[in-house]
Amino acid sequence: MGRKGIANSSSTAPSEVSAAQIGSLHLQFHLPMATSEDHPSAKAAAIISKPNKPELAEIVPPLLDWFRRRHYTVVVDPETARYASAAVVLEREAMASQELNLVVVLGGDGTLLAAARAVAKAGVPVLGVNLGSLGFLTEVPLEELYPTLEGVEKGCCNIESRSMVHCDVFRDELEIARYDAVNDVVVGKGTIARLNHCDVHVDGLFVSSYQADSLIVSTPTGSTAYSLAAGGPILMPSVEAFVITPVSAHSLTHRPLVVRDTSEIEIVVKTGMDEAYLSIDGQVGMPMRDGDRVRCRKSQYQVRLLRIKGTFFEVLRAKLKWGQR
């Protein structure tokens, strides 16, 4: 994945990083950050971790020490708290109310998705550190954590804004739930044996009736997730579009459909006596009944990702093994 950094997962605090090491990361865009000289108590960071990762016992204490030596106030989620002495503990959803300079996510893409939904409304930059396997979004390997943080501290990094999808759920014309998703909104079957039936409208125009295991409304970020596995296209993150992808459609003529992200997509659940299920980023959701409507549109929020690596296509080649037999 990358070059060797100056830190590993030991509990010893890392040493300082030279300018040459920082430059080797090819950091390009200047992010305004407060300095300890100007505002010694004005900086704050959050740490969000994947549950049940034993290696956090060696990762979190030196990371806390790194922040504190640079005059950051640090807040952590409950998953991190067991390894973080004297840190302020907050639920992830409460972190959006804090004035944070950045959020460090220790885990895989699933952990980053949950963290991003929690802090998106605050517009806080998120740095994903990959403790998982694939890591489309958590691109920073553990050995490059501290060189990357040094680059952030010096105000040199890329911030990539990713669009989200918002959905409102209606039952008997009453709104009963609302969600924002980073990857996708999925209406799927609630039982194993039966197909999911639904009608789809785009901007009030009828598109088609679908019989499929599930129906995905994906953002460009989510186009490399569930939608891709179901045969959907890959969109560059900057493309202003959604992808509507059926999963194992009963009809061979149903194919993924790309629409502008200014469109409103309405999914009408047709389950009869059966139950469907609404899933948000594959992590949260709710049961759906016959006649329920899911209206999807572009969210007012965006995810701000701190990036250090190369282009989107370089990430695809590395993660999807393009060109390799």
Protein backbone atom coordinates (compact mmCIF):
# COMPACT_ATOMS: atom_id res chain seq x y z
CA MET A 1 0.00 0.00 0.00
CA GLY A 2 2.57 2.61 0.81
CA ARG A 3 5.89 3.77 2.12
CA LYS A 4 7.16 3.04 5.59
CA GLY A 5 6.47 5.87 8.02
CA ILE A 6 8.10 6.75 11.28
CA ALA A 7 5.48 5.18 13.53
CA ASN A 8 4.20 1.70 14.09
CA SER A 9 1.58 0.28 16.42
CA SER A 10 3.79 0.32 19.49
CA SER A 11 2.74 2.31 22.53
CA THR A 12 5.79 4.56 22.30
CA ALA A 13 4.98 8.10 21.17
CA PRO A 14 6.31 8.89 17.67
CA SER A 15 9.23 11.16 16.98
CA GLU A 16 8.99 14.37 14.96
CA VAL A 17 8.84 14.12 11.18
CA SER A 18 11.22 15.93 8.86
CA ALA A 19 10.08 18.22 6.07
CA ALA A 20 11.47 15.73 3.54
CA GLN A 21 9.26 12.99 4.93
CA ILE A 22 6.21 15.22 4.73
CA GLY A 23 7.04 16.23 1.19
CA SER A 24 7.23 12.56 0.15
CA LEU A 25 3.49 12.27 0.75
CA HIS A 26 2.76 14.69 -2.14
CA LEU A 27 0.41 16.86 -0.08
CA GLN A 28 -0.97 19.63 -2.27
CA PHE A 29 -3.85 21.76 -0.98
CA HIS A 30 -3.41 24.14 1.94
CA LEU A 31 -5.98 23.65 4.70
CA PRO A 32 -6.17 26.58 7.15
CA MET A 33 -5.54 25.22 10.62
CA ALA A 34 -5.02 27.01 13.91
CA THR A 35 -1.49 26.97 15.32
CA SER A 36 -0.60 26.41 18.93
CA GLU A 37 1.20 29.77 19.06
CA ASP A 38 -1.86 31.73 17.93
CA HIS A 39 -4.56 29.72 19.69
CA PRO A 40 -3.01 27.38 22.25
CA SER A 41 -6.37 26.03 23.42
CA ALA A 42 -8.46 26.45 20.26
CA LYS A 43 -7.70 23.14 18.56
CA ALA A 44 -9.74 20.00 19.01
CA ALA A 45 -9.79 16.56 17.45
CA ALA A 46 -11.96 13.47 17.74
CA ILE A 47 -10.97 9.82 17.53
CA ILE A 48 -13.51 7.24 16.38
CA SER A 49 -12.58 3.56 16.37
CA LYS A 50 -13.85 0.26 15.08
CA PRO A 51 -15.16 -1.92 17.92
CA ASN A 52 -13.29 -5.00 19.08
CA LYS A 53 -9.88 -4.18 17.59
CA PRO A 54 -7.24 -5.34 20.13
CA GLU A 55 -4.50 -3.38 18.34
CA LEU A 56 -6.16 -0.15 19.47
CA ALA A 57 -4.51 -0.67 22.86
CA GLU A 58 -1.18 0.08 21.19
CA ILE A 59 -2.44 2.69 18.69
CA VAL A 60 -4.63 5.02 20.76
CA PRO A 61 -2.32 6.03 23.69
CA PRO A 62 0.52 7.38 21.49
CA LEU A 63 -2.04 9.05 19.22
CA LEU A 64 -3.55 10.86 22.23
CA ASP A 65 -0.06 11.88 23.31
CA TRP A 66 0.67 13.27 19.81
CA PHE A 67 -2.43 15.47 19.94
CA ARG A 68 -1.89 16.64 23.50
CA ARG A 69 1.71 17.65 22.88
CA ARG A 70 0.33 19.92 20.14
CA HIS A 71 -2.28 21.45 22.45
CA TYR A 72 -5.34 19.68 21.07
CA THR A 73 -8.37 18.92 23.16
CA VAL A 74 -9.31 15.34 22.29
CA VAL A 75 -12.74 13.71 22.40
CA VAL A 76 -13.27 10.01 21.77
CA ASP A 77 -16.20 7.71 21.11
CA PRO A 78 -17.09 4.90 23.56
CA GLU A 79 -15.23 2.32 21.43
CA THR A 80 -12.01 4.32 21.83
CA ALA A 81 -12.58 5.30 25.47
CA ARG A 82 -11.30 2.04 26.98
CA TYR A 83 -7.85 2.83 25.57
CA ALA A 84 -7.94 6.61 26.15
CA SER A 85 -7.14 7.78 29.67
CA ALA A 86 -8.46 11.21 30.71
CA ALA A 87 -10.10 11.87 27.33
CA VAL A 88 -13.58 13.35 27.00
CA VAL A 89 -16.01 10.62 25.91
CA LEU A 90 -18.91 11.46 23.59
CA GLU A 91 -21.31 9.44 21.51
CA ARG A 92 -20.51 9.81 17.82
CA GLU A 93 -23.73 11.70 17.11
CA ALA A 94 -22.82 14.31 19.76
CA MET A 95 -19.47 15.09 18.14
CA ALA A 96 -21.10 17.25 15.46
CA SER A 97 -21.92 19.79 18.17
CA GLN A 98 -18.21 20.22 19.01
CA GLU A 99 -15.87 22.67 17.29
CA LEU A 100 -13.46 20.12 15.86
CA ASN A 101 -10.50 20.61 13.54
CA LEU A 102 -10.57 17.01 12.35
CA VAL A 103 -11.81 13.51 13.10
CA VAL A 104 -9.43 10.55 12.95
CA VAL A 105 -11.17 7.26 12.14
CA LEU A 106 -9.35 4.06 13.10
CA GLY A 107 -10.90 1.13 11.28
CA GLY A 108 -12.21 0.22 7.86
CA ASP A 109 -14.62 1.79 5.41
CA GLY A 110 -17.62 0.72 7.51
CA THR A 111 -16.32 2.64 10.51
CA LEU A 112 -15.66 5.68 8.34
CA LEU A 113 -19.21 5.56 6.89
CA ALA A 114 -20.72 5.62 10.38
CA ALA A 115 -18.39 8.40 11.51
CA ALA A 116 -19.03 10.47 8.39
CA ARG A 117 -22.79 10.32 8.85
CA ALA A 118 -22.36 11.45 12.46
CA VAL A 119 -20.22 14.54 11.74
CA ALA A 120 -21.21 15.51 8.18
CA LYS A 121 -23.59 18.26 9.33
CA ALA A 122 -20.67 19.98 11.09
CA GLY A 123 -18.45 19.88 8.00
CA VAL A 124 -15.52 18.45 9.96
CA PRO A 125 -12.68 16.96 7.85
CA VAL A 126 -12.32 13.20 8.34
CA LEU A 127 -9.04 11.28 8.14
CA GLY A 128 -9.50 7.54 7.63
CA VAL A 129 -6.76 5.22 8.89
CA ASN A 130 -7.09 1.75 7.45
CA LEU A 131 -7.16 -1.06 10.00
CA GLY A 132 -9.37 -3.16 7.74
CA SER A 133 -8.75 -4.83 4.40
CA LEU A 134 -9.96 -3.06 1.23
CA GLY A 135 -10.09 0.55 2.37
CA PHE A 136 -11.52 2.59 -0.52
CA LEU A 137 -12.19 5.48 1.87
CA THR A 138 -9.76 4.76 4.72
CA GLU A 139 -6.71 5.16 2.53
CA VAL A 140 -4.02 6.00 5.11
CA PRO A 141 -2.08 2.89 6.23
CA LEU A 142 -1.18 2.77 9.91
CA GLU A 143 2.53 3.25 9.25
CA GLU A 144 1.78 6.61 7.60
CA LEU A 145 -0.51 7.93 10.34
CA TYR A 146 1.96 10.33 11.96
CA PRO A 147 3.58 11.69 8.78
CA THR A 148 0.05 12.39 7.57
CA LEU A 149 -0.93 14.13 10.80
CA GLU A 150 2.22 16.24 10.60
CA GLY A 151 1.13 17.31 7.13
CA VAL A 152 -2.34 18.20 8.42
CA GLU A 153 -0.81 20.12 11.33
CA LYS A 154 1.30 22.16 8.92
CA GLY A 155 -1.79 22.95 6.82
CA CYS A 156 -0.85 20.87 3.78
CA CYS A 157 -3.37 18.33 2.53
CA ASN A 158 -6.23 17.74 0.12
CA ILE A 159 -9.85 17.98 1.20
CA GLU A 160 -12.22 16.05 -1.02
CA SER A 161 -15.94 16.79 -0.66
CA ARG A 162 -18.23 13.83 -1.27
CA SER A 163 -21.95 14.23 -1.88
CA MET A 164 -24.51 12.34 0.20
CA VAL A 165 -28.03 11.14 -0.50
CA HIS A 166 -30.95 12.11 1.73
CA CYS A 167 -34.14 10.08 2.00
CA ASP A 168 -37.52 10.74 3.58
CA VAL A 169 -39.80 7.82 4.42
CA PHE A 170 -43.56 8.30 4.16
CA ARG A 171 -46.34 6.05 5.43
CA ASP A 172 -49.95 7.04 4.77
CA GLU A 173 -48.69 10.46 3.61
CA LEU A 174 -46.96 11.09 6.95
CA GLU A 175 -43.18 11.37 7.20
CA ILE A 176 -42.01 8.72 9.65
CA ALA A 177 -38.22 8.79 9.21
CA ARG A 178 -35.38 10.57 7.46
CA TYR A 179 -31.77 9.57 6.81
CA ASP A 180 -28.58 10.73 5.14
CA ALA A 181 -26.28 8.18 3.51
CA VAL A 182 -22.71 8.35 2.26
CA ASN A 183 -22.86 5.28 0.03
CA ASP A 184 -26.40 4.21 -0.66
CA VAL A 185 -30.05 3.84 0.21
CA VAL A 186 -31.31 0.29 -0.37
CA VAL A 187 -34.87 -1.05 -0.37
CA GLY A 188 -34.61 -4.83 -0.05
CA LYS A 189 -36.74 -7.83 0.69
CA GLY A 190 -37.56 -8.63 4.28
CA THR A 191 -37.72 -12.40 3.75
CA ILE A 192 -35.36 -14.75 1.99
CA ALA A 193 -37.81 -16.50 -0.30
CA ARG A 194 -39.58 -13.60 -2.00
CA LEU A 195 -38.55 -10.89 -4.48
CA ASN A 196 -38.94 -7.24 -3.57
CA HIS A 197 -41.57 -5.40 -5.65
CA CYS A 198 -41.46 -1.63 -6.07
CA ASP A 199 -42.31 1.19 -8.46
CA VAL A 200 -39.76 3.88 -9.26
CA HIS A 201 -40.44 7.49 -10.24
CA VAL A 202 -37.86 10.16 -11.14
CA ASP A 203 -39.01 13.78 -10.80
CA GLY A 204 -42.60 12.56 -10.74
CA LEU A 205 -42.23 10.54 -13.95
CA PHE A 206 -42.85 6.80 -13.81
CA VAL A 207 -39.73 4.80 -14.67
CA SER A 208 -40.64 1.15 -14.18
CA SER A 209 -41.91 -1.54 -11.84
CA TYR A 210 -39.06 -3.63 -10.46
CA GLN A 211 -39.00 -7.18 -9.16
CA ALA A 212 -35.59 -7.75 -7.61
CA ASP A 213 -33.84 -8.78 -4.42
CA SER A 214 -33.13 -5.11 -3.71
CA LEU A 215 -33.06 -1.69 -5.32
CA ILE A 216 -30.07 0.58 -4.69
CA VAL A 217 -29.89 4.36 -4.95
CA SER A 218 -26.16 5.08 -4.87
CA THR A 219 -24.00 8.19 -4.63
CA PRO A 220 -20.78 8.42 -6.68
CA THR A 221 -18.91 7.32 -3.55
CA GLY A 222 -21.22 4.34 -3.19
CA SER A 223 -20.77 3.37 -6.84
CA THR A 224 -17.70 1.33 -5.79
CA ALA A 225 -19.65 -0.46 -3.04
CA TYR A 226 -22.88 -2.53 -3.18
CA SER A 227 -23.92 -1.04 -6.53
CA LEU A 228 -20.66 -2.16 -8.15
CA ALA A 229 -21.14 -5.69 -6.83
CA ALA A 230 -24.62 -5.67 -8.39
CA GLY A 231 -23.26 -4.68 -11.81
CA GLY A 232 -23.55 -0.91 -11.56
CA PRO A 233 -21.09 1.54 -13.13
CA ILE A 234 -18.22 3.28 -11.36
CA LEU A 235 -18.67 7.06 -11.09
CA MET A 236 -15.92 9.53 -10.37
CA PRO A 237 -16.58 11.21 -7.01
CA SER A 238 -17.05 14.59 -8.74
CA VAL A 239 -19.85 13.35 -11.01
CA GLU A 240 -23.15 14.98 -10.04
CA ALA A 241 -25.35 11.92 -10.33
CA PHE A 242 -27.07 9.00 -8.61
CA VAL A 243 -27.15 5.40 -9.80
CA ILE A 244 -30.34 3.32 -9.53
CA THR A 245 -29.23 -0.32 -9.52
CA PRO A 246 -31.48 -3.37 -9.21
CA VAL A 247 -29.99 -6.40 -7.47
CA SER A 248 -30.73 -9.72 -9.21
CA ALA A 249 -33.66 -8.30 -11.14
CA HIS A 250 -36.31 -10.77 -12.30
CA SER A 251 -36.27 -9.15 -15.75
CA LEU A 252 -33.09 -9.19 -17.83
CA THR A 253 -34.09 -5.85 -19.37
CA HIS A 254 -33.70 -3.96 -16.08
CA ARG A 255 -30.28 -2.34 -16.03
CA PRO A 256 -28.60 0.29 -13.82
CA LEU A 257 -29.81 3.81 -14.51
CA VAL A 258 -27.80 7.01 -13.97
CA VAL A 259 -29.74 10.21 -13.18
CA ARG A 260 -28.69 13.74 -12.23
CA ASP A 261 -28.34 14.37 -8.51
CA THR A 262 -30.78 17.26 -8.82
CA SER A 263 -33.50 14.65 -9.40
CA GLU A 264 -35.93 13.32 -6.81
CA ILE A 265 -36.17 9.55 -6.87
CA GLU A 266 -39.26 7.99 -5.33
CA ILE A 267 -39.49 4.28 -4.54
CA VAL A 268 -42.98 2.94 -3.80
CA VAL A 269 -42.91 -0.36 -1.90
CA LYS A 270 -45.29 -3.03 -3.25
CA THR A 271 -45.04 -5.93 -0.83
CA GLY A 272 -48.65 -6.94 -0.17
CA MET A 273 -48.68 -8.76 3.15
CA ASP A 274 -44.90 -9.15 3.17
CA GLU A 275 -42.35 -6.79 4.66
CA ALA A 276 -39.45 -5.03 2.96
CA TYR A 277 -36.46 -3.38 4.62
CA LEU A 278 -34.80 0.00 4.16
CA SER A 279 -31.03 0.01 4.68
CA ILE A 280 -28.76 3.07 4.99
CA ASP A 281 -25.11 2.39 4.11
CA GLY A 282 -25.79 -1.21 5.13
CA GLN A 283 -25.68 -0.15 8.79
CA VAL A 284 -28.99 1.35 9.95
CA GLY A 285 -32.53 1.19 8.65
CA MET A 286 -36.12 0.14 9.29
CA PRO A 287 -38.84 -2.29 8.15
CA MET A 288 -41.04 -1.15 5.26
CA ARG A 289 -44.71 -1.91 4.60
CA ASP A 290 -46.81 -2.08 1.48
CA GLY A 291 -47.44 1.43 0.14
CA ASP A 292 -44.52 3.07 1.96
CA ARG A 293 -42.62 5.64 -0.08
CA VAL A 294 -38.93 6.47 0.01
CA ARG A 295 -38.05 9.83 -1.56
CA CYS A 296 -34.36 10.30 -2.29
CA ARG A 297 -32.58 13.53 -3.17
CA LYS A 298 -29.18 15.10 -2.77
CA SER A 299 -28.37 15.81 0.86
CA GLN A 300 -27.61 19.31 2.05
CA TYR A 301 -24.54 17.83 3.77
CA GLN A 302 -21.25 16.62 2.35
CA VAL A 303 -18.51 14.40 3.69
CA ARG A 304 -15.11 16.13 3.76
CA LEU A 305 -12.31 13.59 3.42
CA LEU A 306 -8.68 14.42 4.07
CA ARG A 307 -6.71 12.83 1.23
CA ILE A 308 -2.99 12.31 0.73
CA LYS A 309 -2.64 9.83 -2.09
CA GLY A 310 -2.87 9.95 -5.88
CA THR A 311 -5.79 10.09 -8.24
CA PHE A 312 -9.10 8.27 -8.06
CA PHE A 313 -7.92 5.99 -10.86
CA GLU A 314 -4.77 5.08 -8.96
CA VAL A 315 -6.95 4.04 -6.04
CA LEU A 316 -9.11 1.92 -8.37
CA ARG A 317 -6.07 0.23 -9.84
CA ALA A 318 -4.68 -0.52 -6.40
CA LYS A 319 -7.92 -1.70 -4.79
CA LEU A 320 -9.56 -3.49 -7.73
CA LYS A 321 -6.29 -4.84 -9.14
CA TRP A 322 -6.99 -3.42 -12.60
CA GLY A 323 -4.59 -4.71 -15.23
CA GLN A 324 -3.51 -7.65 -13.09
CA ARG A 325 -4.23 -11.24 -14.11
